């Protein structure tokens, strides 16, 4: 979490909400951090002197890197990059599987809305078979 936040704040100040959205966008939705993980991390980094409040609108504080934070980012470039790579699941195989999951989910939603009782029963069997097949692959 810390690495992701620091790398985003190295680009420009963000508030907690924008950080959550940016992380989800940067990882194509593979990682959607909760406020319960982002805000304590921001507080910790404030206490460590890596970031500081730099304004904001309403009750949302924007945070930016301090000189100490910029030094930390400069010294840990490879670590920050590795954190994004680990979080994003961007291998070709991961992207292909995510695409297949989206397609299947779309088909299942459509079936839930339009299938007859007989079709629903057949679709449920197919989905159960697919689930079991996935577990068999994972067991190998």
Protein backbone atom coordinates (compact mmCIF):
# COMPACT_ATOMS: atom_id res chain seq x y z
CA UNK A 1 0.00 0.00 0.00
CA UNK A 2 2.75 2.41 1.00
CA UNK A 3 4.65 1.92 -2.26
CA UNK A 4 1.57 2.53 -4.38
CA UNK A 5 0.63 5.69 -2.50
CA UNK A 6 4.15 7.10 -2.59
CA UNK A 7 4.51 6.50 -6.32
CA UNK A 8 1.17 8.23 -7.01
CA UNK A 9 2.03 11.16 -4.76
CA UNK A 10 5.36 11.49 -6.60
CA UNK A 11 3.30 12.45 -9.65
CA UNK A 12 0.92 14.92 -7.96
CA UNK A 13 -0.95 15.51 -4.68
CA UNK A 14 -4.00 13.33 -4.06
CA UNK A 15 -6.62 12.89 -1.37
CA UNK A 16 -7.49 9.45 -0.02
CA UNK A 17 -10.48 9.00 -2.31
CA UNK A 18 -8.47 9.87 -5.41
CA UNK A 19 -5.71 7.49 -4.31
CA UNK A 20 -8.22 4.63 -4.04
CA UNK A 21 -9.57 5.38 -7.52
CA UNK A 22 -6.09 5.79 -9.02
CA UNK A 23 -4.86 2.47 -7.61
CA UNK A 24 -7.91 0.68 -9.00
CA UNK A 25 -7.38 2.36 -12.39
CA UNK A 26 -3.64 1.61 -12.47
CA UNK A 27 -4.28 -2.07 -11.77
CA UNK A 28 -7.25 -2.37 -14.14
CA UNK A 29 -9.44 -3.09 -11.15
CA UNK A 30 -7.31 -5.97 -9.90
CA UNK A 31 -6.61 -4.07 -6.68
CA UNK A 32 -9.28 -1.88 -5.11
CA UNK A 33 -7.97 -0.82 -1.71
CA UNK A 34 -10.46 0.01 1.01
CA UNK A 35 -10.51 3.27 2.94
CA UNK A 36 -9.64 1.15 5.98
CA UNK A 37 -6.24 0.40 4.45
CA UNK A 38 -5.53 3.71 2.69
CA UNK A 39 -6.22 6.19 5.49
CA UNK A 40 -4.15 4.43 8.18
CA UNK A 41 -1.27 4.22 5.68
CA UNK A 42 -1.57 7.95 4.99
CA UNK A 43 -1.53 8.62 8.74
CA UNK A 44 1.57 6.46 9.17
CA UNK A 45 3.37 8.27 6.35
CA UNK A 46 2.40 11.64 7.87
CA UNK A 47 3.96 10.52 11.14
CA UNK A 48 7.08 9.30 9.31
CA UNK A 49 7.43 12.69 7.62
CA UNK A 50 7.16 11.25 4.11
CA UNK A 51 4.01 13.20 3.21
CA UNK A 52 2.25 16.37 4.34
CA UNK A 53 -1.21 17.85 3.86
CA UNK A 54 -1.01 20.36 1.00
CA UNK A 55 -4.55 21.67 0.83
CA UNK A 56 -7.72 20.14 -0.50
CA UNK A 57 -11.41 20.87 -0.85
CA UNK A 58 -13.99 20.63 1.89
CA UNK A 59 -13.08 17.97 4.41
CA UNK A 60 -10.76 16.14 1.99
CA UNK A 61 -7.08 16.81 2.52
CA UNK A 62 -4.71 16.50 -0.39
CA UNK A 63 -1.35 14.97 0.44
CA UNK A 64 1.97 15.53 -1.25
CA UNK A 65 5.50 14.29 -0.74
CA UNK A 66 7.83 16.10 1.62
CA UNK A 67 11.53 16.45 0.82
CA UNK A 68 12.05 13.30 2.86
CA UNK A 69 9.32 11.55 0.86
CA UNK A 70 10.89 12.58 -2.45
CA UNK A 71 14.24 11.24 -1.25
CA UNK A 72 12.60 7.97 -0.21
CA UNK A 73 10.95 7.61 -3.63
CA UNK A 74 14.23 8.37 -5.43
CA UNK A 75 16.07 5.76 -3.36
CA UNK A 76 13.40 3.07 -3.80
CA UNK A 77 12.42 3.41 -7.48
CA UNK A 78 12.81 -0.30 -8.21
CA UNK A 79 10.87 -1.32 -5.09
CA UNK A 80 8.00 0.99 -6.04
CA UNK A 81 7.96 -0.34 -9.60
CA UNK A 82 7.98 -3.94 -8.36
CA UNK A 83 5.02 -3.23 -6.07
CA UNK A 84 2.91 -2.09 -9.04
CA UNK A 85 3.92 -5.07 -11.13
CA UNK A 86 2.98 -7.46 -8.34
CA UNK A 87 -0.37 -5.75 -7.76
CA UNK A 88 -1.45 -5.31 -11.35
CA UNK A 89 -1.49 -8.91 -12.57
CA UNK A 90 -0.41 -7.72 -15.99
CA UNK A 91 1.00 -10.90 -17.47
CA UNK A 92 -0.58 -11.89 -20.76
CA UNK A 93 -2.06 -14.96 -19.09
CA UNK A 94 -3.59 -12.84 -16.30
CA UNK A 95 -5.08 -10.41 -18.80
CA UNK A 96 -6.51 -13.25 -20.88
CA UNK A 97 -8.07 -14.85 -17.80
CA UNK A 98 -9.54 -11.51 -16.66
CA UNK A 99 -11.05 -11.04 -20.11
CA UNK A 100 -12.56 -14.53 -20.02
CA UNK A 101 -14.00 -13.89 -16.56
CA UNK A 102 -15.61 -10.63 -17.75
CA UNK A 103 -17.12 -12.39 -20.77
CA UNK A 104 -18.45 -15.27 -18.69
CA UNK A 105 -19.85 -12.91 -16.08
CA UNK A 106 -21.67 -10.97 -18.79
CA UNK A 107 -23.16 -14.14 -20.23
CA UNK A 108 -24.28 -15.35 -16.79
CA UNK A 109 -25.93 -12.01 -16.02
CA UNK A 110 -27.75 -12.12 -19.34
CA UNK A 111 -28.86 -15.70 -18.65
CA UNK A 112 -30.13 -14.71 -15.20
CA UNK A 113 -32.34 -12.10 -16.81
CA UNK A 114 -33.55 -14.00 -19.88
CA UNK A 115 -33.25 -17.78 -19.40
CA UNK A 116 -36.26 -20.05 -19.09
CA UNK A 117 -36.45 -22.49 -16.17
CA UNK A 118 -35.12 -25.29 -18.37
CA UNK A 119 -32.26 -23.12 -19.65
CA UNK A 120 -31.45 -21.98 -16.10
CA UNK A 121 -31.07 -25.60 -15.00
CA UNK A 122 -28.74 -26.40 -17.90
CA UNK A 123 -26.70 -23.24 -17.29
CA UNK A 124 -26.37 -24.08 -13.58
CA UNK A 125 -25.00 -27.52 -14.51
CA UNK A 126 -22.51 -25.97 -16.93
CA UNK A 127 -21.33 -23.49 -14.30
CA UNK A 128 -20.97 -26.22 -11.68
CA UNK A 129 -18.94 -28.31 -14.15
CA UNK A 130 -16.74 -25.31 -14.95
CA UNK A 131 -16.15 -24.58 -11.25
CA UNK A 132 -15.11 -28.18 -10.64
CA UNK A 133 -12.82 -28.09 -13.68
CA UNK A 134 -11.11 -24.96 -12.36
CA UNK A 135 -10.46 -26.67 -9.03
CA UNK A 136 -9.07 -29.73 -10.83
CA UNK A 137 -6.60 -27.51 -12.69
CA UNK A 138 -5.55 -25.83 -9.45
CA UNK A 139 -5.08 -29.22 -7.79
CA UNK A 140 -2.60 -30.39 -10.48
